[in-house]
Amino acid sequence: MLLFKQLNADKLLIDDRRGRKVAKINGISTVGSLGVLLVAKEKGLISEIAPMLVQIEQSDIYLSEELITTVLALAGE
């Protein structure tokens, strides 16, 4: 969060639940990895999110089925 403040950034990229809570308490707007993927698709930087979700899961990062379904729906996939 120190770097976020030093850079005067608009959002803090963080996936950690506790870190997000601390950021919220400090009035810091956050975005997670999946949010970044959604923005990238919206801006045409990537064509699909689904393959990236598979890679994330293969990296032993847990994503609930509900979260995957929601993200894919938001992405129109």
PDB file of N, CA and C in Angstrom:
ATOM      1  N   MET A   1       0.820  -1.190   0.000  1.00  0.00           N
ATOM      2  CA  MET A   1       0.000   0.000   0.000  1.00  0.00           C
ATOM      3  C   MET A   1       0.865   1.255   0.000  1.00  0.00           C
ATOM      4  N   LEU A   2       2.064   1.108   0.477  1.00  0.00           N
ATOM      5  CA  LEU A   2       2.981   2.242   0.469  1.00  0.00           C
ATOM      6  C   LEU A   2       3.279   2.677  -0.962  1.00  0.00           C
ATOM      7  N   LEU A   3       3.548   1.715  -1.836  1.00  0.00           N
ATOM      8  CA  LEU A   3       3.824   2.032  -3.236  1.00  0.00           C
ATOM      9  C   LEU A   3       2.604   2.679  -3.893  1.00  0.00           C
ATOM     10  N   PHE A   4       1.412   2.186  -3.573  1.00  0.00           N
ATOM     11  CA  PHE A   4       0.171   2.769  -4.087  1.00  0.00           C
ATOM     12  C   PHE A   4       0.124   4.260  -3.753  1.00  0.00           C
ATOM     13  N   LYS A   5       0.439   4.584  -2.508  1.00  0.00           N
ATOM     14  CA  LYS A   5       0.398   5.988  -2.075  1.00  0.00           C
ATOM     15  C   LYS A   5       1.509   6.799  -2.721  1.00  0.00           C
ATOM     16  N   GLN A   6       2.698   6.211  -2.828  1.00  0.00           N
ATOM     17  CA  GLN A   6       3.823   6.927  -3.436  1.00  0.00           C
ATOM     18  C   GLN A   6       3.556   7.239  -4.903  1.00  0.00           C
ATOM     19  N   LEU A   7       2.892   6.326  -5.585  1.00  0.00           N
ATOM     20  CA  LEU A   7       2.592   6.514  -7.004  1.00  0.00           C
ATOM     21  C   LEU A   7       1.329   7.334  -7.236  1.00  0.00           C
ATOM     22  N   ASN A   8       0.596   7.601  -6.160  1.00  0.00           N
ATOM     23  CA  ASN A   8      -0.672   8.312  -6.262  1.00  0.00           C
ATOM     24  C   ASN A   8      -1.594   7.599  -7.265  1.00  0.00           C
ATOM     25  N   ALA A   9      -1.658   6.284  -7.138  1.00  0.00           N
ATOM     26  CA  ALA A   9      -2.432   5.448  -8.063  1.00  0.00           C
ATOM     27  C   ALA A   9      -3.932   5.581  -7.806  1.00  0.00           C
ATOM     28  N   ASP A  10      -4.713   5.219  -8.812  1.00  0.00           N
ATOM     29  CA  ASP A  10      -6.171   5.251  -8.687  1.00  0.00           C
ATOM     30  C   ASP A  10      -6.703   4.019  -7.966  1.00  0.00           C
ATOM     31  N   LYS A  11      -6.073   2.871  -8.210  1.00  0.00           N
ATOM     32  CA  LYS A  11      -6.524   1.611  -7.611  1.00  0.00           C
ATOM     33  C   LYS A  11      -5.321   0.794  -7.179  1.00  0.00           C
ATOM     34  N   LEU A  12      -5.542  -0.001  -6.153  1.00  0.00           N
ATOM     35  CA  LEU A  12      -4.533  -0.927  -5.659  1.00  0.00           C
ATOM     36  C   LEU A  12      -4.853  -2.316  -6.190  1.00  0.00           C
ATOM     37  N   LEU A  13      -3.910  -2.938  -6.882  1.00  0.00           N
ATOM     38  CA  LEU A  13      -4.090  -4.299  -7.382  1.00  0.00           C
ATOM     39  C   LEU A  13      -3.759  -5.257  -6.252  1.00  0.00           C
ATOM     40  N   ILE A  14      -4.795  -5.954  -5.767  1.00  0.00           N
ATOM     41  CA  ILE A  14      -4.604  -6.865  -4.637  1.00  0.00           C
ATOM     42  C   ILE A  14      -5.711  -7.912  -4.646  1.00  0.00           C
ATOM     43  N   ASP A  15      -5.330  -9.157  -4.396  1.00  0.00           N
ATOM     44  CA  ASP A  15      -6.306 -10.240  -4.330  1.00  0.00           C
ATOM     45  C   ASP A  15      -6.550 -10.705  -2.901  1.00  0.00           C
ATOM     46  N   ASP A  16      -5.620 -10.450  -2.023  1.00  0.00           N
ATOM     47  CA  ASP A  16      -5.710 -10.907  -0.640  1.00  0.00           C
ATOM     48  C   ASP A  16      -6.904 -10.277   0.077  1.00  0.00           C
ATOM     49  N   ARG A  17      -7.762 -11.115   0.645  1.00  0.00           N
ATOM     50  CA  ARG A  17      -8.990 -10.641   1.291  1.00  0.00           C
ATOM     51  C   ARG A  17      -8.686  -9.694   2.457  1.00  0.00           C
ATOM     52  N   ARG A  18      -7.738 -10.077   3.291  1.00  0.00           N
ATOM     53  CA  ARG A  18      -7.403  -9.204   4.431  1.00  0.00           C
ATOM     54  C   ARG A  18      -6.818  -7.882   3.963  1.00  0.00           C
ATOM     55  N   GLY A  19      -5.983  -7.946   2.947  1.00  0.00           N
ATOM     56  CA  GLY A  19      -5.401  -6.727   2.399  1.00  0.00           C
ATOM     57  C   GLY A  19      -6.453  -5.800   1.824  1.00  0.00           C
ATOM     58  N   ARG A  20      -7.464  -6.374   1.182  1.00  0.00           N
ATOM     59  CA  ARG A  20      -8.561  -5.560   0.644  1.00  0.00           C
ATOM     60  C   ARG A  20      -9.332  -4.862   1.763  1.00  0.00           C
ATOM     61  N   LYS A  21      -9.524  -5.591   2.867  1.00  0.00           N
ATOM     62  CA  LYS A  21     -10.234  -4.994   4.002  1.00  0.00           C
ATOM     63  C   LYS A  21      -9.453  -3.817   4.569  1.00  0.00           C
ATOM     64  N   VAL A  22      -8.150  -3.993   4.710  1.00  0.00           N
ATOM     65  CA  VAL A  22      -7.303  -2.912   5.224  1.00  0.00           C
ATOM     66  C   VAL A  22      -7.333  -1.728   4.264  1.00  0.00           C
ATOM     67  N   ALA A  23      -7.267  -2.012   2.975  1.00  0.00           N
ATOM     68  CA  ALA A  23      -7.324  -0.944   1.979  1.00  0.00           C
ATOM     69  C   ALA A  23      -8.642  -0.185   2.078  1.00  0.00           C
ATOM     70  N   LYS A  24      -9.735  -0.917   2.212  1.00  0.00           N
ATOM     71  CA  LYS A  24     -11.053  -0.280   2.309  1.00  0.00           C
ATOM     72  C   LYS A  24     -11.131   0.622   3.533  1.00  0.00           C
ATOM     73  N   ILE A  25     -10.623   0.137   4.653  1.00  0.00           N
ATOM     74  CA  ILE A  25     -10.613   0.937   5.881  1.00  0.00           C
ATOM     75  C   ILE A  25      -9.848   2.237   5.662  1.00  0.00           C
ATOM     76  N   ASN A  26      -8.798   2.172   4.839  1.00  0.00           N
ATOM     77  CA  ASN A  26      -7.966   3.345   4.565  1.00  0.00           C
ATOM     78  C   ASN A  26      -8.446   4.153   3.359  1.00  0.00           C
ATOM     79  N   GLY A  27      -9.636   3.808   2.854  1.00  0.00           N
ATOM     80  CA  GLY A  27     -10.217   4.559   1.748  1.00  0.00           C
ATOM     81  C   GLY A  27      -9.536   4.333   0.410  1.00  0.00           C
ATOM     82  N   ILE A  28      -8.899   3.183   0.262  1.00  0.00           N
ATOM     83  CA  ILE A  28      -8.183   2.873  -0.974  1.00  0.00           C
ATOM     84  C   ILE A  28      -9.052   1.969  -1.847  1.00  0.00           C
ATOM     85  N   SER A  29      -9.246   2.372  -3.081  1.00  0.00           N
ATOM     86  CA  SER A  29     -10.012   1.587  -4.044  1.00  0.00           C
ATOM     87  C   SER A  29      -9.145   0.438  -4.552  1.00  0.00           C
ATOM     88  N   THR A  30      -9.727  -0.758  -4.636  1.00  0.00           N
ATOM     89  CA  THR A  30      -8.962  -1.932  -5.050  1.00  0.00           C
ATOM     90  C   THR A  30      -9.548  -2.581  -6.294  1.00  0.00           C
ATOM     91  N   VAL A  31      -8.723  -3.369  -6.940  1.00  0.00           N
ATOM     92  CA  VAL A  31      -9.141  -4.221  -8.046  1.00  0.00           C
ATOM     93  C   VAL A  31      -8.315  -5.499  -7.940  1.00  0.00           C
ATOM     94  N   GLY A  32      -8.956  -6.621  -8.234  1.00  0.00           N
ATOM     95  CA  GLY A  32      -8.254  -7.896  -8.192  1.00  0.00           C
ATOM     96  C   GLY A  32      -7.816  -8.336  -9.577  1.00  0.00           C
ATOM     97  N   SER A  33      -7.142  -9.453  -9.625  1.00  0.00           N
ATOM     98  CA  SER A  33      -6.639  -9.985 -10.897  1.00  0.00           C
ATOM     99  C   SER A  33      -7.760 -10.207 -11.904  1.00  0.00           C
ATOM    100  N   LEU A  34      -8.883 -10.727 -11.429  1.00  0.00           N
ATOM    101  CA  LEU A  34      -9.989 -10.995 -12.351  1.00  0.00           C
ATOM    102  C   LEU A  34     -10.594  -9.698 -12.872  1.00  0.00           C
ATOM    103  N   GLY A  35     -10.611  -8.680 -12.046  1.00  0.00           N
ATOM    104  CA  GLY A  35     -11.070  -7.365 -12.489  1.00  0.00           C
ATOM    105  C   GLY A  35     -10.172  -6.796 -13.573  1.00  0.00           C
ATOM    106  N   VAL A  36      -8.881  -7.018 -13.430  1.00  0.00           N
ATOM    107  CA  VAL A  36      -7.928  -6.567 -14.450  1.00  0.00           C
ATOM    108  C   VAL A  36      -8.179  -7.310 -15.765  1.00  0.00           C
ATOM    109  N   LEU A  37      -8.449  -8.608 -15.674  1.00  0.00           N
ATOM    110  CA  LEU A  37      -8.747  -9.377 -16.887  1.00  0.00           C
ATOM    111  C   LEU A  37     -10.006  -8.856 -17.576  1.00  0.00           C
ATOM    112  N   LEU A  38     -11.024  -8.523 -16.790  1.00  0.00           N
ATOM    113  CA  LEU A  38     -12.261  -7.989 -17.376  1.00  0.00           C
ATOM    114  C   LEU A  38     -12.010  -6.664 -18.093  1.00  0.00           C
ATOM    115  N   VAL A  39     -11.231  -5.800 -17.492  1.00  0.00           N
ATOM    116  CA  VAL A  39     -10.910  -4.514 -18.121  1.00  0.00           C
ATOM    117  C   VAL A  39     -10.089  -4.741 -19.390  1.00  0.00           C
ATOM    118  N   ALA A  40      -9.149  -5.676 -19.331  1.00  0.00           N
ATOM    119  CA  ALA A  40      -8.322  -5.973 -20.504  1.00  0.00           C
ATOM    120  C   ALA A  40      -9.177  -6.470 -21.669  1.00  0.00           C
ATOM    121  N   LYS A  41     -10.159  -7.304 -21.373  1.00  0.00           N
ATOM    122  CA  LYS A  41     -11.038  -7.793 -22.445  1.00  0.00           C
ATOM    123  C   LYS A  41     -11.904  -6.654 -22.974  1.00  0.00           C
ATOM    124  N   GLU A  42     -12.428  -5.850 -22.070  1.00  0.00           N
ATOM    125  CA  GLU A  42     -13.268  -4.714 -22.466  1.00  0.00           C
ATOM    126  C   GLU A  42     -12.507  -3.766 -23.394  1.00  0.00           C
ATOM    127  N   LYS A  43     -11.220  -3.596 -23.144  1.00  0.00           N
ATOM    128  CA  LYS A  43     -10.407  -2.677 -23.951  1.00  0.00           C
ATOM    129  C   LYS A  43      -9.814  -3.345 -25.190  1.00  0.00           C
ATOM    130  N   GLY A  44     -10.126  -4.631 -25.380  1.00  0.00           N
ATOM    131  CA  GLY A  44      -9.640  -5.338 -26.555  1.00  0.00           C
ATOM    132  C   GLY A  44      -8.194  -5.795 -26.463  1.00  0.00           C
ATOM    133  N   LEU A  45      -7.636  -5.793 -25.268  1.00  0.00           N
ATOM    134  CA  LEU A  45      -6.249  -6.219 -25.094  1.00  0.00           C
ATOM    135  C   LEU A  45      -6.112  -7.739 -25.102  1.00  0.00           C
ATOM    136  N   ILE A  46      -7.189  -8.418 -24.713  1.00  0.00           N
ATOM    137  CA  ILE A  46      -7.248  -9.877 -24.782  1.00  0.00           C
ATOM    138  C   ILE A  46      -8.594 -10.249 -25.390  1.00  0.00           C
ATOM    139  N   SER A  47      -8.664 -11.418 -26.010  1.00  0.00           N
ATOM    140  CA  SER A  47      -9.921 -11.813 -26.655  1.00  0.00           C
ATOM    141  C   SER A  47     -10.775 -12.720 -25.778  1.00  0.00           C
ATOM    142  N   GLU A  48     -10.144 -13.473 -24.883  1.00  0.00           N
ATOM    143  CA  GLU A  48     -10.876 -14.400 -24.021  1.00  0.00           C
ATOM    144  C   GLU A  48     -10.280 -14.418 -22.622  1.00  0.00           C
ATOM    145  N   ILE A  49     -11.160 -14.602 -21.655  1.00  0.00           N
ATOM    146  CA  ILE A  49     -10.732 -14.718 -20.263  1.00  0.00           C
ATOM    147  C   ILE A  49     -10.657 -16.182 -19.835  1.00  0.00           C
ATOM    148  N   ALA A  50     -11.509 -17.017 -20.401  1.00  0.00           N
ATOM    149  CA  ALA A  50     -11.605 -18.415 -19.963  1.00  0.00           C
ATOM    150  C   ALA A  50     -10.256 -19.143 -19.918  1.00  0.00           C
ATOM    151  N   PRO A  51      -9.420 -19.044 -20.958  1.00  0.00           N
ATOM    152  CA  PRO A  51      -8.136 -19.748 -20.890  1.00  0.00           C
ATOM    153  C   PRO A  51      -7.247 -19.249 -19.746  1.00  0.00           C
ATOM    154  N   MET A  52      -7.362 -17.986 -19.444  1.00  0.00           N
ATOM    155  CA  MET A  52      -6.560 -17.427 -18.354  1.00  0.00           C
ATOM    156  C   MET A  52      -7.053 -17.911 -16.996  1.00  0.00           C
ATOM    157  N   LEU A  53      -8.360 -18.113 -16.887  1.00  0.00           N
ATOM    158  CA  LEU A  53      -8.901 -18.659 -15.640  1.00  0.00           C
ATOM    159  C   LEU A  53      -8.391 -20.082 -15.424  1.00  0.00           C
ATOM    160  N   VAL A  54      -8.283 -20.837 -16.506  1.00  0.00           N
ATOM    161  CA  VAL A  54      -7.742 -22.196 -16.413  1.00  0.00           C
ATOM    162  C   VAL A  54      -6.292 -22.140 -15.928  1.00  0.00           C
ATOM    163  N   GLN A  55      -5.514 -21.230 -16.483  1.00  0.00           N
ATOM    164  CA  GLN A  55      -4.116 -21.090 -16.059  1.00  0.00           C
ATOM    165  C   GLN A  55      -4.018 -20.702 -14.590  1.00  0.00           C
ATOM    166  N   ILE A  56      -4.894 -19.816 -14.153  1.00  0.00           N
ATOM    167  CA  ILE A  56      -4.896 -19.407 -12.746  1.00  0.00           C
ATOM    168  C   ILE A  56      -5.180 -20.609 -11.860  1.00  0.00           C
ATOM    169  N   GLU A  57      -6.184 -21.388 -12.225  1.00  0.00           N
ATOM    170  CA  GLU A  57      -6.525 -22.576 -11.434  1.00  0.00           C
ATOM    171  C   GLU A  57      -5.390 -23.597 -11.440  1.00  0.00           C
ATOM    172  N   GLN A  58      -4.701 -23.734 -12.550  1.00  0.00           N
ATOM    173  CA  GLN A  58      -3.577 -24.671 -12.637  1.00  0.00           C
ATOM    174  C   GLN A  58      -2.384 -24.210 -11.801  1.00  0.00           C
ATOM    175  N   SER A  59      -2.401 -22.957 -11.405  1.00  0.00           N
ATOM    176  CA  SER A  59      -1.345 -22.411 -10.548  1.00  0.00           C
ATOM    177  C   SER A  59      -1.674 -22.610  -9.077  1.00  0.00           C
ATOM    178  N   ASP A  60      -2.649 -23.470  -8.812  1.00  0.00           N
ATOM    179  CA  ASP A  60      -3.091 -23.773  -7.443  1.00  0.00           C
ATOM    180  C   ASP A  60      -3.714 -22.578  -6.731  1.00  0.00           C
ATOM    181  N   ILE A  61      -4.312 -21.689  -7.496  1.00  0.00           N
ATOM    182  CA  ILE A  61      -5.072 -20.586  -6.910  1.00  0.00           C
ATOM    183  C   ILE A  61      -6.538 -20.975  -7.000  1.00  0.00           C
ATOM    184  N   TYR A  62      -7.212 -20.973  -5.866  1.00  0.00           N
ATOM    185  CA  TYR A  62      -8.605 -21.413  -5.822  1.00  0.00           C
ATOM    186  C   TYR A  62      -9.531 -20.312  -6.317  1.00  0.00           C
ATOM    187  N   LEU A  63     -10.397 -20.671  -7.247  1.00  0.00           N
ATOM    188  CA  LEU A  63     -11.478 -19.805  -7.707  1.00  0.00           C
ATOM    189  C   LEU A  63     -12.761 -20.612  -7.582  1.00  0.00           C
ATOM    190  N   SER A  64     -13.744 -20.071  -6.888  1.00  0.00           N
ATOM    191  CA  SER A  64     -15.001 -20.799  -6.737  1.00  0.00           C
ATOM    192  C   SER A  64     -15.723 -20.863  -8.079  1.00  0.00           C
ATOM    193  N   GLU A  65     -16.550 -21.885  -8.236  1.00  0.00           N
ATOM    194  CA  GLU A  65     -17.338 -22.015  -9.465  1.00  0.00           C
ATOM    195  C   GLU A  65     -18.239 -20.799  -9.658  1.00  0.00           C
ATOM    196  N   GLU A  66     -18.778 -20.294  -8.565  1.00  0.00           N
ATOM    197  CA  GLU A  66     -19.641 -19.108  -8.634  1.00  0.00           C
ATOM    198  C   GLU A  66     -18.865 -17.907  -9.174  1.00  0.00           C
ATOM    199  N   LEU A  67     -17.648 -17.719  -8.700  1.00  0.00           N
ATOM    200  CA  LEU A  67     -16.825 -16.605  -9.163  1.00  0.00           C
ATOM    201  C   LEU A  67     -16.483 -16.762 -10.642  1.00  0.00           C
ATOM    202  N   ILE A  68     -16.111 -17.957 -11.042  1.00  0.00           N
ATOM    203  CA  ILE A  68     -15.787 -18.216 -12.447  1.00  0.00           C
ATOM    204  C   ILE A  68     -16.996 -17.942 -13.334  1.00  0.00           C
ATOM    205  N   THR A  69     -18.157 -18.433 -12.926  1.00  0.00           N
ATOM    206  CA  THR A  69     -19.390 -18.218 -13.691  1.00  0.00           C
ATOM    207  C   THR A  69     -19.701 -16.733 -13.812  1.00  0.00           C
ATOM    208  N   THR A  70     -19.553 -16.008 -12.718  1.00  0.00           N
ATOM    209  CA  THR A  70     -19.829 -14.568 -12.717  1.00  0.00           C
ATOM    210  C   THR A  70     -18.878 -13.825 -13.641  1.00  0.00           C
ATOM    211  N   VAL A  71     -17.598 -14.116 -13.541  1.00  0.00           N
ATOM    212  CA  VAL A  71     -16.601 -13.433 -14.367  1.00  0.00           C
ATOM    213  C   VAL A  71     -16.829 -13.738 -15.845  1.00  0.00           C
ATOM    214  N   LEU A  72     -17.086 -14.990 -16.161  1.00  0.00           N
ATOM    215  CA  LEU A  72     -17.332 -15.345 -17.563  1.00  0.00           C
ATOM    216  C   LEU A  72     -18.599 -14.680 -18.096  1.00  0.00           C
ATOM    217  N   ALA A  73     -19.620 -14.579 -17.264  1.00  0.00           N
ATOM    218  CA  ALA A  73     -20.858 -13.904 -17.682  1.00  0.00           C
ATOM    219  C   ALA A  73     -20.594 -12.420 -17.932  1.00  0.00           C
ATOM    220  N   LEU A  74     -19.848 -11.795 -17.036  1.00  0.00           N
ATOM    221  CA  LEU A  74     -19.515 -10.376 -17.210  1.00  0.00           C
ATOM    222  C   LEU A  74     -18.689 -10.152 -18.475  1.00  0.00           C
ATOM    223  N   ALA A  75     -17.885 -11.150 -18.822  1.00  0.00           N
ATOM    224  CA  ALA A  75     -17.038 -11.057 -20.013  1.00  0.00           C
ATOM    225  C   ALA A  75     -17.783 -11.454 -21.285  1.00  0.00           C
ATOM    226  N   GLY A  76     -19.014 -11.948 -21.122  1.00  0.00           N
ATOM    227  CA  GLY A  76     -19.780 -12.386 -22.284  1.00  0.00           C
ATOM    228  C   GLY A  76     -19.262 -13.682 -22.879  1.00  0.00           C
ATOM    229  N   GLU A  77     -18.733 -14.528 -22.016  1.00  0.00           N
ATOM    230  CA  GLU A  77     -18.188 -15.815 -22.489  1.00  0.00           C
ATOM    231  C   GLU A  77     -19.021 -16.957 -21.961  1.00  0.00           C
TER     232      GLU A  77
END
